[in-house]
Amino acid sequence: MGHSQKSVLETAFVTAKALKARVVFPEADEPRVAEAMARLAAEGLAEPVALAPVSEAHVAALVAARGLKEGIARRMLERPLFRAAAMVAAGEADAMVAGADSPTKKVIEAASIAIGLQDGVSIPSSFFLMVFPDGREMVFADCAVNVDPSAEELAAIAMASAKSAEALLGSARVAMLSFSTGASGAGASVDRVREAAEATGFMGPVQADAALNPRIAAKKGMGEGDANVLIFPNLDAGNIAYKLAQELAGAQAVGPFLQGFKRPVCDLSRGATVEDIVAATAVTVAMGA
């Protein structure tokens, strides 16, 4: 059994208060974002940083990260998302929180170009923190970003998700899900999951019941049946699963959170409330601890 959602967020809030991270909000003019920034500062959860004017340090960060020509870098930096990401790359902020007024694709593009991905991670991805009524907490990935990942991309999603789970839940027991367990089934999608599992050393391919039910896991010789990180073979499966968990099991889905970047980046949902923005910022900061 895990803790309640309150305790995951409480833990994130405690971590955030201890870190006092500088967080840049490129959409500071948006009323919800402005209110969230004021609340984060008042509660000591973060030190909101204003978008700075373009500097040589920002240009240098983009040129260094991507080998861009200086003129192109300067043009990119006229856009708030790129400038915020360059501030993180230049060490002027510890994390970036955006998306209340920008599509996910644009937030990922700016972060990918200016901040870059962690070593060994080939693509950015996302996860939901799933909190069930019985107190269980899990990471579901990828449910929002990558439509049909290759074996290499699935491995990258699994590695990033394990890091996220360790930061938020204290441990990562990863299951690479499929319609087939072990060597029982064949097909392109099973082969992709098998290849990703072999590359990472995580359990898989495994059916969801064997990943979660100790009795079935024992019968099929697949681990302990206590996975807390579920990696889905594609976006269809991941998106359907998290919404079914919400509707049929009464689970709360907190997120989605971006993962895989060198520095913490948060992509807010367009409908995020002030409370959502405060909580998402605390979790983002805690993950980067």
C-alpha atoms as a PDB file:
ATOM      1  CA  MET A   1       0.000   0.000   0.000  1.00  0.00           C
ATOM      2  CA  GLY A   2       1.194   3.504  -0.782  1.00  0.00           C
ATOM      3  CA  HIS A   3       0.130   6.750   0.845  1.00  0.00           C
ATOM      4  CA  SER A   4      -2.806   8.980   0.003  1.00  0.00           C
ATOM      5  CA  GLN A   5      -2.542  11.537  -2.768  1.00  0.00           C
ATOM      6  CA  LYS A   6      -2.238  14.183  -0.101  1.00  0.00           C
ATOM      7  CA  SER A   7       0.955  12.566   1.114  1.00  0.00           C
ATOM      8  CA  VAL A   8       2.551  12.415  -2.358  1.00  0.00           C
ATOM      9  CA  LEU A   9       1.767  16.080  -2.841  1.00  0.00           C
ATOM     10  CA  GLU A  10       2.689  16.865   0.765  1.00  0.00           C
ATOM     11  CA  THR A  11       6.055  15.213   0.226  1.00  0.00           C
ATOM     12  CA  ALA A  12       6.525  17.208  -2.992  1.00  0.00           C
ATOM     13  CA  PHE A  13       5.560  20.421  -1.143  1.00  0.00           C
ATOM     14  CA  VAL A  14       8.061  19.678   1.657  1.00  0.00           C
ATOM     15  CA  THR A  15      10.806  19.030  -0.925  1.00  0.00           C
ATOM     16  CA  ALA A  16       9.887  22.178  -2.867  1.00  0.00           C
ATOM     17  CA  LYS A  17      10.001  24.306   0.308  1.00  0.00           C
ATOM     18  CA  ALA A  18      13.450  22.924   1.136  1.00  0.00           C
ATOM     19  CA  LEU A  19      14.794  23.579  -2.386  1.00  0.00           C
ATOM     20  CA  LYS A  20      13.394  27.103  -2.928  1.00  0.00           C
ATOM     21  CA  ALA A  21      13.950  26.526  -6.658  1.00  0.00           C
ATOM     22  CA  ARG A  22      13.900  29.443  -9.087  1.00  0.00           C
ATOM     23  CA  VAL A  23      11.098  28.726 -11.546  1.00  0.00           C
ATOM     24  CA  VAL A  24      10.549  30.708 -14.737  1.00  0.00           C
ATOM     25  CA  PHE A  25       6.977  31.148 -16.001  1.00  0.00           C
ATOM     26  CA  PRO A  26       6.954  32.349 -19.636  1.00  0.00           C
ATOM     27  CA  GLU A  27       3.157  32.895 -19.394  1.00  0.00           C
ATOM     28  CA  ALA A  28       3.312  35.165 -16.334  1.00  0.00           C
ATOM     29  CA  ASP A  29       0.721  37.537 -17.894  1.00  0.00           C
ATOM     30  CA  GLU A  30      -1.939  34.794 -17.834  1.00  0.00           C
ATOM     31  CA  PRO A  31      -4.192  35.520 -14.799  1.00  0.00           C
ATOM     32  CA  ARG A  32      -4.162  31.948 -13.400  1.00  0.00           C
ATOM     33  CA  VAL A  33      -0.380  31.758 -13.784  1.00  0.00           C
ATOM     34  CA  ALA A  34       0.102  35.170 -12.144  1.00  0.00           C
ATOM     35  CA  GLU A  35      -2.022  34.096  -9.163  1.00  0.00           C
ATOM     36  CA  ALA A  36      -0.179  30.755  -8.881  1.00  0.00           C
ATOM     37  CA  MET A  37       3.189  32.568  -8.954  1.00  0.00           C
ATOM     38  CA  ALA A  38       2.052  34.841  -6.102  1.00  0.00           C
ATOM     39  CA  ARG A  39       0.878  31.824  -4.084  1.00  0.00           C
ATOM     40  CA  LEU A  40       4.103  29.845  -4.716  1.00  0.00           C
ATOM     41  CA  ALA A  41       6.151  32.816  -3.501  1.00  0.00           C
ATOM     42  CA  ALA A  42       3.906  33.462  -0.469  1.00  0.00           C
ATOM     43  CA  GLU A  43       3.980  29.802   0.605  1.00  0.00           C
ATOM     44  CA  GLY A  44       7.739  29.488   0.034  1.00  0.00           C
ATOM     45  CA  LEU A  45       7.280  26.647  -2.489  1.00  0.00           C
ATOM     46  CA  ALA A  46       9.366  28.287  -5.207  1.00  0.00           C
ATOM     47  CA  GLU A  47      10.970  31.532  -6.200  1.00  0.00           C
ATOM     48  CA  PRO A  48       9.112  32.625  -9.355  1.00  0.00           C
ATOM     49  CA  VAL A  49      11.480  34.292 -11.827  1.00  0.00           C
ATOM     50  CA  ALA A  50      10.343  36.853 -14.395  1.00  0.00           C
ATOM     51  CA  LEU A  51      11.162  36.376 -18.060  1.00  0.00           C
ATOM     52  CA  ALA A  52      14.458  38.204 -18.575  1.00  0.00           C
ATOM     53  CA  PRO A  53      15.368  40.302 -21.627  1.00  0.00           C
ATOM     54  CA  VAL A  54      17.403  38.407 -24.240  1.00  0.00           C
ATOM     55  CA  SER A  55      21.042  38.235 -23.157  1.00  0.00           C
ATOM     56  CA  GLU A  56      24.301  36.968 -24.615  1.00  0.00           C
ATOM     57  CA  ALA A  57      24.112  34.061 -22.127  1.00  0.00           C
ATOM     58  CA  HIS A  58      20.793  32.956 -23.679  1.00  0.00           C
ATOM     59  CA  VAL A  59      22.210  33.158 -27.205  1.00  0.00           C
ATOM     60  CA  ALA A  60      25.302  31.211 -26.096  1.00  0.00           C
ATOM     61  CA  ALA A  61      23.110  28.528 -24.476  1.00  0.00           C
ATOM     62  CA  LEU A  62      21.164  27.948 -27.711  1.00  0.00           C
ATOM     63  CA  VAL A  63      24.306  27.997 -29.857  1.00  0.00           C
ATOM     64  CA  ALA A  64      26.019  25.524 -27.494  1.00  0.00           C
ATOM     65  CA  ALA A  65      23.002  23.215 -27.167  1.00  0.00           C
ATOM     66  CA  ARG A  66      22.146  22.954 -30.836  1.00  0.00           C
ATOM     67  CA  GLY A  67      24.974  24.538 -32.806  1.00  0.00           C
ATOM     68  CA  LEU A  68      22.507  27.131 -34.123  1.00  0.00           C
ATOM     69  CA  LYS A  69      23.655  30.193 -36.033  1.00  0.00           C
ATOM     70  CA  GLU A  70      23.601  33.252 -33.781  1.00  0.00           C
ATOM     71  CA  GLY A  71      20.972  35.069 -35.860  1.00  0.00           C
ATOM     72  CA  ILE A  72      18.573  32.115 -35.717  1.00  0.00           C
ATOM     73  CA  ALA A  73      19.134  31.796 -31.948  1.00  0.00           C
ATOM     74  CA  ARG A  74      18.289  35.492 -31.450  1.00  0.00           C
ATOM     75  CA  ARG A  75      15.084  35.122 -33.498  1.00  0.00           C
ATOM     76  CA  MET A  76      14.022  32.064 -31.466  1.00  0.00           C
ATOM     77  CA  LEU A  77      14.646  33.946 -28.220  1.00  0.00           C
ATOM     78  CA  GLU A  78      12.018  36.517 -29.161  1.00  0.00           C
ATOM     79  CA  ARG A  79       9.503  33.764 -28.282  1.00  0.00           C
ATOM     80  CA  PRO A  80       8.825  33.538 -24.526  1.00  0.00           C
ATOM     81  CA  LEU A  81       8.953  29.705 -24.389  1.00  0.00           C
ATOM     82  CA  PHE A  82      12.417  29.612 -25.961  1.00  0.00           C
ATOM     83  CA  ARG A  83      13.675  32.441 -23.761  1.00  0.00           C
ATOM     84  CA  ALA A  84      12.400  30.703 -20.604  1.00  0.00           C
ATOM     85  CA  ALA A  85      14.057  27.439 -21.657  1.00  0.00           C
ATOM     86  CA  ALA A  86      17.304  29.324 -22.439  1.00  0.00           C
ATOM     87  CA  MET A  87      17.184  30.894 -18.951  1.00  0.00           C
ATOM     88  CA  VAL A  88      17.091  27.367 -17.477  1.00  0.00           C
ATOM     89  CA  ALA A  89      19.947  26.267 -19.775  1.00  0.00           C
ATOM     90  CA  ALA A  90      21.991  29.342 -18.764  1.00  0.00           C
ATOM     91  CA  GLY A  91      21.470  28.634 -15.039  1.00  0.00           C
ATOM     92  CA  GLU A  92      19.242  31.671 -14.428  1.00  0.00           C
ATOM     93  CA  ALA A  93      16.333  29.421 -13.417  1.00  0.00           C
ATOM     94  CA  ASP A  94      16.152  25.854 -12.083  1.00  0.00           C
ATOM     95  CA  ALA A  95      12.907  24.838 -13.814  1.00  0.00           C
ATOM     96  CA  MET A  96      10.367  26.013 -16.368  1.00  0.00           C
ATOM     97  CA  VAL A  97       6.569  25.813 -16.010  1.00  0.00           C
ATOM     98  CA  ALA A  98       4.466  26.561 -19.111  1.00  0.00           C
ATOM     99  CA  GLY A  99       1.504  25.316 -21.095  1.00  0.00           C
ATOM    100  CA  ALA A 100      -1.483  27.174 -19.587  1.00  0.00           C
ATOM    101  CA  ASP A 101      -1.574  29.110 -22.845  1.00  0.00           C
ATOM    102  CA  SER A 102       0.642  27.019 -25.158  1.00  0.00           C
ATOM    103  CA  PRO A 103       0.245  23.620 -26.840  1.00  0.00           C
ATOM    104  CA  THR A 104       2.307  20.712 -25.431  1.00  0.00           C
ATOM    105  CA  LYS A 105       4.172  20.427 -28.745  1.00  0.00           C
ATOM    106  CA  LYS A 106       5.527  23.998 -28.426  1.00  0.00           C
ATOM    107  CA  VAL A 107       6.626  23.508 -24.794  1.00  0.00           C
ATOM    108  CA  ILE A 108       8.444  20.273 -25.740  1.00  0.00           C
ATOM    109  CA  GLU A 109      10.048  21.922 -28.781  1.00  0.00           C
ATOM    110  CA  ALA A 110      11.466  24.823 -26.735  1.00  0.00           C
ATOM    111  CA  ALA A 111      12.719  22.534 -23.953  1.00  0.00           C
ATOM    112  CA  SER A 112      14.226  20.026 -26.414  1.00  0.00           C
ATOM    113  CA  ILE A 113      16.152  22.707 -28.298  1.00  0.00           C
ATOM    114  CA  ALA A 114      17.353  24.851 -25.368  1.00  0.00           C
ATOM    115  CA  ILE A 115      17.579  22.459 -22.386  1.00  0.00           C
ATOM    116  CA  GLY A 116      18.083  19.110 -24.101  1.00  0.00           C
ATOM    117  CA  LEU A 117      17.502  15.544 -22.921  1.00  0.00           C
ATOM    118  CA  GLN A 118      19.174  13.623 -20.092  1.00  0.00           C
ATOM    119  CA  ASP A 119      22.064  11.360 -21.070  1.00  0.00           C
ATOM    120  CA  GLY A 120      20.778   8.056 -22.387  1.00  0.00           C
ATOM    121  CA  VAL A 121      17.264   9.397 -23.046  1.00  0.00           C
ATOM    122  CA  SER A 122      16.403   9.656 -26.740  1.00  0.00           C
ATOM    123  CA  ILE A 123      12.943  11.292 -26.523  1.00  0.00           C
ATOM    124  CA  PRO A 124      10.892  13.368 -24.110  1.00  0.00           C
ATOM    125  CA  SER A 125       7.828  11.628 -22.689  1.00  0.00           C
ATOM    126  CA  SER A 126       5.105  12.115 -20.110  1.00  0.00           C
ATOM    127  CA  PHE A 127       3.526  10.328 -17.168  1.00  0.00           C
ATOM    128  CA  PHE A 128       0.500  10.571 -14.924  1.00  0.00           C
ATOM    129  CA  LEU A 129       0.710  10.077 -11.182  1.00  0.00           C
ATOM    130  CA  MET A 130      -2.291   7.804 -10.568  1.00  0.00           C
ATOM    131  CA  VAL A 131      -3.750   7.810  -7.052  1.00  0.00           C
ATOM    132  CA  PHE A 132      -6.305   5.097  -6.294  1.00  0.00           C
ATOM    133  CA  PRO A 133      -9.020   5.184  -3.606  1.00  0.00           C
ATOM    134  CA  ASP A 134      -7.278   2.353  -1.695  1.00  0.00           C
ATOM    135  CA  GLY A 135      -4.192   4.577  -1.337  1.00  0.00           C
ATOM    136  CA  ARG A 136      -2.096   2.981  -4.065  1.00  0.00           C
ATOM    137  CA  GLU A 137       0.068   5.371  -6.074  1.00  0.00           C
ATOM    138  CA  MET A 138       1.418   4.524  -9.502  1.00  0.00           C
ATOM    139  CA  VAL A 139       3.137   6.043 -12.500  1.00  0.00           C
ATOM    140  CA  PHE A 140       1.441   5.429 -15.896  1.00  0.00           C
ATOM    141  CA  ALA A 141       3.470   6.251 -19.039  1.00  0.00           C
ATOM    142  CA  ASP A 142       3.304   7.376 -21.748  1.00  0.00           C
ATOM    143  CA  CYS A 143      -0.318   8.537 -21.793  1.00  0.00           C
ATOM    144  CA  ALA A 144      -0.015  11.924 -23.498  1.00  0.00           C
ATOM    145  CA  VAL A 145       2.947  12.440 -25.844  1.00  0.00           C
ATOM    146  CA  ASN A 146       4.337   9.523 -27.911  1.00  0.00           C
ATOM    147  CA  VAL A 147       1.799   7.904 -30.244  1.00  0.00           C
ATOM    148  CA  ASP A 148       3.541   4.726 -31.402  1.00  0.00           C
ATOM    149  CA  PRO A 149       6.976   4.396 -29.790  1.00  0.00           C
ATOM    150  CA  SER A 150       9.699   2.168 -31.237  1.00  0.00           C
ATOM    151  CA  ALA A 151      11.550  -0.310 -28.985  1.00  0.00           C
ATOM    152  CA  GLU A 152      14.286   2.257 -28.373  1.00  0.00           C
ATOM    153  CA  GLU A 153      11.712   4.936 -27.543  1.00  0.00           C
ATOM    154  CA  LEU A 154       9.815   2.580 -25.197  1.00  0.00           C
ATOM    155  CA  ALA A 155      13.109   1.928 -23.409  1.00  0.00           C
ATOM    156  CA  ALA A 156      13.665   5.707 -23.076  1.00  0.00           C
ATOM    157  CA  ILE A 157      10.126   6.165 -21.697  1.00  0.00           C
ATOM    158  CA  ALA A 158      10.701   3.343 -19.180  1.00  0.00           C
ATOM    159  CA  MET A 159      14.066   4.745 -17.995  1.00  0.00           C
ATOM    160  CA  ALA A 160      12.652   8.255 -17.556  1.00  0.00           C
ATOM    161  CA  SER A 161       9.540   6.911 -15.784  1.00  0.00           C
ATOM    162  CA  ALA A 162      11.669   4.888 -13.354  1.00  0.00           C
ATOM    163  CA  LYS A 163      13.558   8.064 -12.403  1.00  0.00           C
ATOM    164  CA  SER A 164      10.281   9.957 -11.960  1.00  0.00           C
ATOM    165  CA  ALA A 165       8.840   7.180  -9.768  1.00  0.00           C
ATOM    166  CA  GLU A 166      11.977   7.045  -7.612  1.00  0.00           C
ATOM    167  CA  ALA A 167      11.771  10.807  -7.080  1.00  0.00           C
ATOM    168  CA  LEU A 168       8.040  10.848  -6.269  1.00  0.00           C
ATOM    169  CA  LEU A 169       7.210   7.410  -4.839  1.00  0.00           C
ATOM    170  CA  GLY A 170      10.576   6.447  -3.373  1.00  0.00           C
ATOM    171  CA  SER A 171      10.955   3.315  -5.527  1.00  0.00           C
ATOM    172  CA  ALA A 172      10.365   2.116  -9.083  1.00  0.00           C
ATOM    173  CA  ARG A 173       9.086  -1.380  -9.925  1.00  0.00           C
ATOM    174  CA  VAL A 174       8.651  -1.184 -13.676  1.00  0.00           C
ATOM    175  CA  ALA A 175       6.445  -3.412 -15.844  1.00  0.00           C
ATOM    176  CA  MET A 176       6.538  -3.170 -19.652  1.00  0.00           C
ATOM    177  CA  LEU A 177       2.956  -4.076 -20.547  1.00  0.00           C
ATOM    178  CA  SER A 178       1.724  -6.125 -23.499  1.00  0.00           C
ATOM    179  CA  PHE A 179      -1.163  -8.431 -24.428  1.00  0.00           C
ATOM    180  CA  SER A 180       1.359 -11.254 -23.985  1.00  0.00           C
ATOM    181  CA  THR A 181       3.388 -12.428 -20.989  1.00  0.00           C
ATOM    182  CA  GLY A 182       6.957 -13.698 -21.483  1.00  0.00           C
ATOM    183  CA  ALA A 183       7.375 -15.777 -24.644  1.00  0.00           C
ATOM    184  CA  SER A 184       3.692 -16.753 -24.928  1.00  0.00           C
ATOM    185  CA  GLY A 185       2.655 -14.371 -27.706  1.00  0.00           C
ATOM    186  CA  ALA A 186       4.076 -13.064 -30.952  1.00  0.00           C
ATOM    187  CA  GLY A 187       3.619  -9.990 -33.094  1.00  0.00           C
ATOM    188  CA  ALA A 188       5.309  -6.700 -33.884  1.00  0.00           C
ATOM    189  CA  SER A 189       4.024  -4.898 -30.766  1.00  0.00           C
ATOM    190  CA  VAL A 190       5.121  -7.746 -28.424  1.00  0.00           C
ATOM    191  CA  ASP A 191       8.546  -7.820 -30.084  1.00  0.00           C
ATOM    192  CA  ARG A 192       8.950  -4.070 -29.510  1.00  0.00           C
ATOM    193  CA  VAL A 193       8.101  -4.430 -25.807  1.00  0.00           C
ATOM    194  CA  ARG A 194      10.415  -7.460 -25.474  1.00  0.00           C
ATOM    195  CA  GLU A 195      13.305  -5.565 -27.075  1.00  0.00           C
ATOM    196  CA  ALA A 196      12.726  -2.541 -24.789  1.00  0.00           C
ATOM    197  CA  ALA A 197      12.537  -4.790 -21.699  1.00  0.00           C
ATOM    198  CA  GLU A 198      15.786  -6.529 -22.658  1.00  0.00           C
ATOM    199  CA  ALA A 199      17.514  -3.184 -23.247  1.00  0.00           C
ATOM    200  CA  THR A 200      16.491  -1.799 -19.839  1.00  0.00           C
ATOM    201  CA  GLY A 201      16.425  -4.923 -17.689  1.00  0.00           C
ATOM    202  CA  PHE A 202      12.835  -4.183 -16.664  1.00  0.00           C
ATOM    203  CA  MET A 203      10.140  -6.852 -16.505  1.00  0.00           C
ATOM    204  CA  GLY A 204       8.331  -7.485 -19.772  1.00  0.00           C
ATOM    205  CA  PRO A 205       6.547  -8.193 -21.936  1.00  0.00           C
ATOM    206  CA  VAL A 206       3.951  -8.798 -19.231  1.00  0.00           C
ATOM    207  CA  GLN A 207       0.161  -8.656 -19.082  1.00  0.00           C
ATOM    208  CA  ALA A 208      -1.357  -6.154 -16.661  1.00  0.00           C
ATOM    209  CA  ASP A 209      -2.759  -8.811 -14.302  1.00  0.00           C
ATOM    210  CA  ALA A 210       0.627 -10.526 -13.901  1.00  0.00           C
ATOM    211  CA  ALA A 211       2.262  -7.120 -13.304  1.00  0.00           C
ATOM    212  CA  LEU A 212      -0.182  -6.255 -10.503  1.00  0.00           C
ATOM    213  CA  ASN A 213      -1.433  -9.515  -8.974  1.00  0.00           C
ATOM    214  CA  PRO A 214       1.091 -11.565  -6.933  1.00  0.00           C
ATOM    215  CA  ARG A 215      -0.847 -14.835  -7.404  1.00  0.00           C
ATOM    216  CA  ILE A 216      -0.925 -14.507 -11.213  1.00  0.00           C
ATOM    217  CA  ALA A 217       2.695 -13.278 -11.283  1.00  0.00           C
ATOM    218  CA  ALA A 218       3.802 -16.403  -9.371  1.00  0.00           C
ATOM    219  CA  LYS A 219       1.835 -18.684 -11.699  1.00  0.00           C
ATOM    220  CA  LYS A 220       3.422 -17.091 -14.782  1.00  0.00           C
ATOM    221  CA  GLY A 221       6.905 -16.738 -13.244  1.00  0.00           C
ATOM    222  CA  MET A 222       6.882 -12.948 -13.681  1.00  0.00           C
ATOM    223  CA  GLY A 223       8.288 -11.097 -10.668  1.00  0.00           C
ATOM    224  CA  GLU A 224       6.372 -10.177  -7.528  1.00  0.00           C
ATOM    225  CA  GLY A 225       3.193  -8.793  -9.091  1.00  0.00           C
ATOM    226  CA  ASP A 226       3.739  -5.471  -7.321  1.00  0.00           C
ATOM    227  CA  ALA A 227       4.618  -3.070 -10.172  1.00  0.00           C
ATOM    228  CA  ASN A 228       4.122   0.635  -9.411  1.00  0.00           C
ATOM    229  CA  VAL A 229       5.266   1.882 -12.855  1.00  0.00           C
ATOM    230  CA  LEU A 230       3.256   0.726 -15.878  1.00  0.00           C
ATOM    231  CA  ILE A 231       4.743   1.352 -19.331  1.00  0.00           C
ATOM    232  CA  PHE A 232       2.149   1.032 -22.091  1.00  0.00           C
ATOM    233  CA  PRO A 233       3.074  -0.153 -25.595  1.00  0.00           C
ATOM    234  CA  ASN A 234       1.493   2.873 -27.305  1.00  0.00           C
ATOM    235  CA  LEU A 235      -0.571   5.998 -26.699  1.00  0.00           C
ATOM    236  CA  ASP A 236      -3.861   4.207 -27.436  1.00  0.00           C
ATOM    237  CA  ALA A 237      -3.252   1.772 -24.582  1.00  0.00           C
ATOM    238  CA  GLY A 238      -1.883   4.371 -22.148  1.00  0.00           C
ATOM    239  CA  ASN A 239      -4.579   6.977 -22.725  1.00  0.00           C
ATOM    240  CA  ILE A 240      -7.397   4.418 -22.570  1.00  0.00           C
ATOM    241  CA  ALA A 241      -5.982   2.815 -19.406  1.00  0.00           C
ATOM    242  CA  TYR A 242      -5.621   6.007 -17.375  1.00  0.00           C
ATOM    243  CA  LYS A 243      -9.113   7.186 -18.321  1.00  0.00           C
ATOM    244  CA  LEU A 244     -10.614   3.757 -17.465  1.00  0.00           C
ATOM    245  CA  ALA A 245      -8.831   3.892 -14.093  1.00  0.00           C
ATOM    246  CA  GLN A 246     -10.363   7.338 -13.495  1.00  0.00           C
ATOM    247  CA  GLU A 247     -13.894   6.406 -14.551  1.00  0.00           C
ATOM    248  CA  LEU A 248     -14.193   2.823 -13.253  1.00  0.00           C
ATOM    249  CA  ALA A 249     -11.846   2.792 -10.258  1.00  0.00           C
ATOM    250  CA  GLY A 250     -12.250   6.410  -9.119  1.00  0.00           C
ATOM    251  CA  ALA A 251      -8.512   7.039  -9.491  1.00  0.00           C
ATOM    252  CA  GLN A 252      -7.157  10.573  -9.589  1.00  0.00           C
ATOM    253  CA  ALA A 253      -4.806  11.348 -12.461  1.00  0.00           C
ATOM    254  CA  VAL A 254      -2.315  14.055 -11.487  1.00  0.00           C
ATOM    255  CA  GLY A 255      -0.459  15.416 -14.520  1.00  0.00           C
ATOM    256  CA  PRO A 256       0.597  14.799 -17.198  1.00  0.00           C
ATOM    257  CA  PHE A 257       4.183  15.653 -16.301  1.00  0.00           C
ATOM    258  CA  LEU A 258       6.987  15.859 -18.854  1.00  0.00           C
ATOM    259  CA  GLN A 259      10.117  13.791 -18.234  1.00  0.00           C
ATOM    260  CA  GLY A 260      13.473  13.066 -19.831  1.00  0.00           C
ATOM    261  CA  PHE A 261      14.874  16.622 -19.908  1.00  0.00           C
ATOM    262  CA  LYS A 262      18.183  17.640 -18.300  1.00  0.00           C
ATOM    263  CA  ARG A 263      16.323  20.131 -16.105  1.00  0.00           C
ATOM    264  CA  PRO A 264      12.732  20.035 -14.805  1.00  0.00           C
ATOM    265  CA  VAL A 265      10.105  21.179 -17.318  1.00  0.00           C
ATOM    266  CA  CYS A 266       6.365  21.225 -16.659  1.00  0.00           C
ATOM    267  CA  ASP A 267       3.681  21.306 -19.336  1.00  0.00           C
ATOM    268  CA  LEU A 268       0.449  22.524 -17.730  1.00  0.00           C
ATOM    269  CA  SER A 269      -2.902  21.456 -19.084  1.00  0.00           C
ATOM    270  CA  ARG A 270      -4.728  24.331 -20.816  1.00  0.00           C
ATOM    271  CA  GLY A 271      -7.574  24.038 -18.307  1.00  0.00           C
ATOM    272  CA  ALA A 272      -5.282  24.070 -15.247  1.00  0.00           C
ATOM    273  CA  THR A 273      -6.659  25.858 -12.180  1.00  0.00           C
ATOM    274  CA  VAL A 274      -4.474  27.970  -9.876  1.00  0.00           C
ATOM    275  CA  GLU A 275      -4.336  24.979  -7.468  1.00  0.00           C
ATOM    276  CA  ASP A 276      -3.277  22.684 -10.339  1.00  0.00           C
ATOM    277  CA  ILE A 277      -0.469  25.065 -11.311  1.00  0.00           C
ATOM    278  CA  VAL A 278       0.802  25.302  -7.719  1.00  0.00           C
ATOM    279  CA  ALA A 279       0.725  21.497  -7.281  1.00  0.00           C
ATOM    280  CA  ALA A 280       2.285  20.815 -10.699  1.00  0.00           C
ATOM    281  CA  THR A 281       5.098  23.271  -9.961  1.00  0.00           C
ATOM    282  CA  ALA A 282       5.819  21.622  -6.588  1.00  0.00           C
ATOM    283  CA  VAL A 283       5.902  18.141  -8.162  1.00  0.00           C
ATOM    284  CA  THR A 284       8.109  19.349 -11.041  1.00  0.00           C
ATOM    285  CA  VAL A 285      10.575  20.913  -8.625  1.00  0.00           C
ATOM    286  CA  ALA A 286      10.559  17.802  -6.390  1.00  0.00           C
ATOM    287  CA  MET A 287      11.312  15.549  -9.380  1.00  0.00           C
ATOM    288  CA  GLY A 288      14.401  17.597 -10.160  1.00  0.00           C
ATOM    289  CA  ALA A 289      15.691  17.321  -6.579  1.00  0.00           C
END
